[in-house]
Amino acid sequence: MSETREPLVSVVIPARNEADNLLELIPEIASAAGTLAYEIVVVDDGSTDATAATLTRLAAQAPVRRVGHALSLGQSAALYSGALAARGSLVVTLDGDGQNDPRPIPAFIDKLADPAVGLVAGQRVARRASFAKIVGARIANAARRAVLNDDTGDTGCGIKAFRRDAFLRLPYFDAMHRFLPALFLGDGWLIVRLDVVDRPRRHGRSNYGIVDRLLVGIVDLCGVWWLLRRRRRNPLRAEHTAK
């Protein structure tokens, strides 16, 4: 399906072996986007299922593009590849497992109308996960907030919206998706947080390891702390803030 308008919004979906979930998620995104000029960029992160064929079928129904990794490189790499390929100036990210409800997409985009806001971060309410995962995530989030002072209670939520150019100026490293609020704050942007509904996974199982999904590790946390202390604010962003 061809899109006649240049997209304002690129919906980026990192996905590994999520063919069944994408069959349901992409029509939901198309419905949620409404009158937005949008595209959907699915980053196929080394899938071994029918993801590629499924996306070819879905492209007849919605403005879908596939970006492929020959091997699984992880969620941060998939997110970065999607942002590089995006044609829109604004990017919305969703997990490929369908647990992020796409209906709030317009609300996320509306928050970026404020030129001082760089990132809109979803925060899950009534999270659908095991007790062990919830407790582990709370401990990890508390440690991150204490060290980085990013005032964010849930960096693991997959639905976010940000300015593509601002994102691509951030330092790129493995697990960066866990630190986006701190990184955007470090570059002088404001952060808006929106509560979102967490849905159960419909098909399959998690395709990223527990470390990738919950605990980033003390080495990563210390590394980001060092990076933020040594990093100098983007001069273009500082000039914009001063106006």
Protein backbone atom coordinates (compact mmCIF):
# COMPACT_ATOMS: atom_id res chain seq x y z
CA MET A 1 0.00 0.00 0.00
CA SER A 2 1.55 3.35 -1.01
CA GLU A 3 1.25 6.40 1.20
CA THR A 4 0.63 9.61 -0.76
CA ARG A 5 1.77 11.96 2.01
CA GLU A 6 5.27 12.28 3.35
CA PRO A 7 5.05 10.76 6.86
CA LEU A 8 5.25 13.02 9.88
CA VAL A 9 5.32 10.03 12.25
CA SER A 10 7.33 6.84 11.92
CA VAL A 11 6.12 4.01 14.14
CA VAL A 12 9.21 1.87 14.80
CA ILE A 13 8.72 -1.71 16.00
CA PRO A 14 11.69 -3.88 17.00
CA ALA A 15 10.55 -7.47 16.44
CA ARG A 16 12.10 -10.92 16.65
CA ASN A 17 9.89 -13.90 15.82
CA GLU A 18 6.67 -11.93 16.32
CA ALA A 19 4.83 -12.78 13.08
CA ASP A 20 1.56 -13.74 14.79
CA ASN A 21 1.57 -10.66 17.01
CA LEU A 22 2.38 -8.33 14.10
CA LEU A 23 -0.65 -9.65 12.20
CA GLU A 24 -2.84 -8.16 14.93
CA LEU A 25 -0.73 -5.18 15.99
CA ILE A 26 -0.23 -3.47 12.63
CA PRO A 27 -3.97 -3.14 11.82
CA GLU A 28 -4.42 -1.74 15.34
CA ILE A 29 -1.74 0.88 14.64
CA ALA A 30 -3.40 1.82 11.36
CA SER A 31 -6.69 2.32 13.18
CA ALA A 32 -5.09 4.31 16.03
CA ALA A 33 -3.16 6.61 13.68
CA GLY A 34 -6.37 7.98 12.20
CA THR A 35 -5.59 11.00 10.03
CA LEU A 36 -1.91 11.17 10.95
CA ALA A 37 0.57 11.02 8.07
CA TYR A 38 2.47 7.96 9.22
CA GLU A 39 4.52 4.93 8.28
CA ILE A 40 5.33 1.71 10.14
CA VAL A 41 8.95 0.55 10.20
CA VAL A 42 9.34 -2.99 11.50
CA VAL A 43 12.91 -3.96 12.32
CA ASP A 44 13.12 -7.70 11.81
CA ASP A 45 15.86 -8.53 14.30
CA GLY A 46 17.11 -11.84 12.93
CA SER A 47 13.72 -13.58 12.98
CA THR A 48 13.54 -17.26 12.04
CA ASP A 49 9.74 -17.38 11.75
CA ALA A 50 7.43 -16.00 9.05
CA THR A 51 7.99 -12.34 9.97
CA ALA A 52 9.31 -11.31 6.52
CA ALA A 53 6.44 -12.96 4.63
CA THR A 54 3.91 -11.58 7.10
CA LEU A 55 5.16 -8.02 6.58
CA THR A 56 4.92 -8.43 2.80
CA ARG A 57 1.26 -9.34 3.23
CA LEU A 58 0.60 -6.50 5.66
CA ALA A 59 2.19 -3.94 3.31
CA ALA A 60 -0.90 -4.33 1.11
CA GLN A 61 -3.04 -3.02 3.98
CA ALA A 62 -0.89 -0.35 5.64
CA PRO A 63 2.26 1.71 4.92
CA VAL A 64 4.67 -0.90 6.30
CA ARG A 65 8.40 -1.17 5.61
CA ARG A 66 10.74 -3.91 6.80
CA VAL A 67 14.31 -3.32 7.93
CA GLY A 68 16.17 -6.60 8.36
CA HIS A 69 19.02 -7.71 10.61
CA ALA A 70 20.65 -10.93 9.40
CA LEU A 71 21.35 -11.84 13.03
CA SER A 72 19.63 -10.79 16.23
CA LEU A 73 21.46 -7.70 17.52
CA GLY A 74 19.16 -6.83 20.41
CA GLN A 75 16.51 -4.25 21.15
CA SER A 76 18.71 -1.16 21.22
CA ALA A 77 20.26 -2.01 17.86
CA ALA A 78 16.81 -2.65 16.37
CA LEU A 79 15.51 0.65 17.73
CA TYR A 80 18.50 2.53 16.33
CA SER A 81 18.19 0.88 12.90
CA GLY A 82 14.52 1.83 12.84
CA ALA A 83 15.24 5.44 13.70
CA LEU A 84 17.91 5.63 10.99
CA ALA A 85 15.46 4.26 8.42
CA ALA A 86 12.53 6.42 9.58
CA ARG A 87 11.26 9.07 7.19
CA GLY A 88 9.20 10.93 9.77
CA SER A 89 10.55 13.74 11.94
CA LEU A 90 8.76 12.18 14.94
CA VAL A 91 9.20 8.56 16.02
CA VAL A 92 6.89 6.40 18.10
CA THR A 93 8.25 3.07 19.35
CA LEU A 94 6.20 0.00 20.22
CA ASP A 95 7.26 -3.50 21.24
CA GLY A 96 6.53 -6.18 18.67
CA ASP A 97 4.82 -8.48 21.18
CA GLY A 98 1.58 -6.48 21.14
CA GLN A 99 1.69 -5.62 24.85
CA ASN A 100 1.75 -1.88 24.09
CA ASP A 101 -1.72 -0.62 23.19
CA PRO A 102 -1.27 1.68 20.15
CA ARG A 103 -4.42 3.72 20.77
CA PRO A 104 -2.55 6.46 22.73
CA ILE A 105 -0.25 7.23 19.75
CA PRO A 106 -2.03 10.55 18.91
CA ALA A 107 -1.76 11.65 22.57
CA PHE A 108 1.97 10.95 22.54
CA ILE A 109 2.41 12.97 19.35
CA ASP A 110 0.37 15.86 20.76
CA LYS A 111 2.83 16.22 23.65
CA LEU A 112 5.66 16.78 21.17
CA ALA A 113 3.89 19.94 19.94
CA ASP A 114 5.78 21.67 22.76
CA PRO A 115 9.22 22.41 21.20
CA ALA A 116 10.92 21.96 24.58
CA VAL A 117 9.74 18.33 24.90
CA GLY A 118 12.13 15.80 23.42
CA LEU A 119 10.73 12.52 24.76
CA VAL A 120 7.29 11.27 25.76
CA ALA A 121 7.68 8.09 27.83
CA GLY A 122 4.96 5.59 28.59
CA GLN A 123 4.60 4.26 32.13
CA ARG A 124 2.72 0.99 32.52
CA VAL A 125 -0.18 0.72 34.94
CA ALA A 126 -1.44 -2.66 36.17
CA ARG A 127 1.52 -4.33 34.52
CA ARG A 128 0.92 -7.85 33.13
CA ALA A 129 3.99 -9.73 34.32
CA SER A 130 5.08 -12.29 36.89
CA PHE A 131 5.64 -11.22 40.48
CA ALA A 132 9.39 -11.87 40.13
CA LYS A 133 9.65 -9.67 37.03
CA ILE A 134 7.70 -6.83 38.65
CA VAL A 135 9.84 -6.89 41.79
CA GLY A 136 13.04 -7.12 39.77
CA ALA A 137 12.01 -4.20 37.59
CA ARG A 138 11.16 -2.07 40.62
CA ILE A 139 14.57 -2.71 42.16
CA ALA A 140 16.34 -1.93 38.88
CA ASN A 141 14.28 1.24 38.33
CA ALA A 142 14.94 2.45 41.86
CA ALA A 143 18.69 1.94 41.43
CA ARG A 144 18.69 3.76 38.11
CA ARG A 145 16.70 6.72 39.49
CA ALA A 146 19.03 7.00 42.48
CA VAL A 147 22.15 7.06 40.31
CA LEU A 148 20.94 9.03 37.27
CA ASN A 149 18.18 11.14 38.83
CA ASP A 150 15.98 10.75 35.77
CA ASP A 151 12.73 10.76 37.78
CA THR A 152 11.30 7.94 35.64
CA GLY A 153 9.60 4.95 37.20
CA ASP A 154 9.41 2.66 34.16
CA THR A 155 12.07 2.89 31.46
CA GLY A 156 11.19 -0.61 30.22
CA CYS A 157 7.86 0.46 28.72
CA GLY A 158 8.12 0.04 24.96
CA ILE A 159 5.81 2.87 23.89
CA LYS A 160 7.68 6.15 23.59
CA ALA A 161 7.70 9.11 21.25
CA PHE A 162 10.63 11.38 20.45
CA ARG A 163 12.14 13.73 17.92
CA ARG A 164 14.16 11.70 15.45
CA ASP A 165 16.97 14.24 15.04
CA ALA A 166 17.36 14.59 18.81
CA PHE A 167 17.49 10.80 19.26
CA LEU A 168 20.14 10.36 16.59
CA ARG A 169 22.37 12.91 18.36
CA LEU A 170 22.39 10.80 21.53
CA PRO A 171 25.31 8.43 22.18
CA TYR A 172 24.51 5.00 20.80
CA PHE A 173 25.44 1.92 22.84
CA ASP A 174 24.01 -1.45 23.80
CA ALA A 175 21.05 -1.16 26.21
CA MET A 176 20.63 2.56 25.46
CA HIS A 177 16.86 2.04 25.20
CA ARG A 178 16.82 1.59 29.00
CA PHE A 179 18.35 5.02 29.54
CA LEU A 180 16.49 7.26 27.10
CA PRO A 181 14.97 9.58 29.75
CA ALA A 182 18.38 10.24 31.32
CA LEU A 183 20.00 10.73 27.91
CA PHE A 184 17.35 13.18 26.70
CA LEU A 185 17.52 15.08 29.98
CA GLY A 186 21.29 15.22 29.62
CA ASP A 187 20.88 16.97 26.27
CA GLY A 188 18.55 19.56 27.80
CA TRP A 189 15.17 18.25 26.67
CA LEU A 190 12.04 18.08 28.79
CA ILE A 191 10.43 14.69 29.40
CA VAL A 192 6.67 14.02 29.53
CA ARG A 193 5.36 10.79 31.05
CA LEU A 194 2.00 9.24 30.17
CA ASP A 195 0.30 6.31 31.89
CA VAL A 196 -0.52 3.47 29.50
CA VAL A 197 -2.31 0.15 29.77
CA ASP A 198 -0.13 -2.96 29.72
CA ARG A 199 -1.68 -5.85 27.77
CA PRO A 200 -0.87 -9.56 28.00
CA ARG A 201 1.24 -11.13 25.28
CA ARG A 202 -1.12 -12.81 22.82
CA HIS A 203 1.22 -15.22 21.03
CA GLY A 204 4.62 -16.79 21.62
CA ARG A 205 7.09 -15.93 24.34
CA SER A 206 9.60 -13.21 25.08
CA ASN A 207 12.42 -13.13 22.55
CA TYR A 208 14.83 -10.93 24.49
CA GLY A 209 16.66 -12.20 27.54
CA ILE A 210 15.78 -11.32 31.09
CA VAL A 211 18.90 -9.16 31.43
CA ASP A 212 17.92 -7.17 28.34
CA ARG A 213 14.36 -6.76 29.55
CA LEU A 214 14.85 -6.05 33.25
CA LEU A 215 18.31 -5.63 34.70
CA VAL A 216 20.82 -3.60 32.72
CA GLY A 217 23.60 -4.39 35.15
CA ILE A 218 25.81 -2.31 37.38
CA VAL A 219 28.48 -1.88 34.70
CA ASP A 220 25.99 -0.31 32.25
CA LEU A 221 24.57 1.94 34.97
CA CYS A 222 28.00 3.16 36.00
CA GLY A 223 28.94 3.68 32.37
CA VAL A 224 25.91 5.88 31.71
CA TRP A 225 26.58 7.85 34.90
CA TRP A 226 30.14 8.49 33.70
CA LEU A 227 28.94 9.37 30.20
CA LEU A 228 26.41 11.91 31.46
CA ARG A 229 28.99 13.55 33.70
CA ARG A 230 31.53 13.83 30.87
CA ARG A 231 29.12 14.59 28.03
CA ARG A 232 28.63 18.18 26.96
CA ARG A 233 25.18 19.33 25.99
CA ASN A 234 24.46 19.45 22.29
CA PRO A 235 25.35 23.07 21.30
CA LEU A 236 22.37 23.25 18.94
CA ARG A 237 20.09 22.22 21.77
CA ALA A 238 21.68 24.74 24.17
CA GLU A 239 21.12 27.52 21.62
CA HIS A 240 17.49 26.46 21.20
CA THR A 241 16.94 26.42 24.97
CA ALA A 242 18.36 29.90 25.37
CA LYS A 243 15.87 31.43 22.95
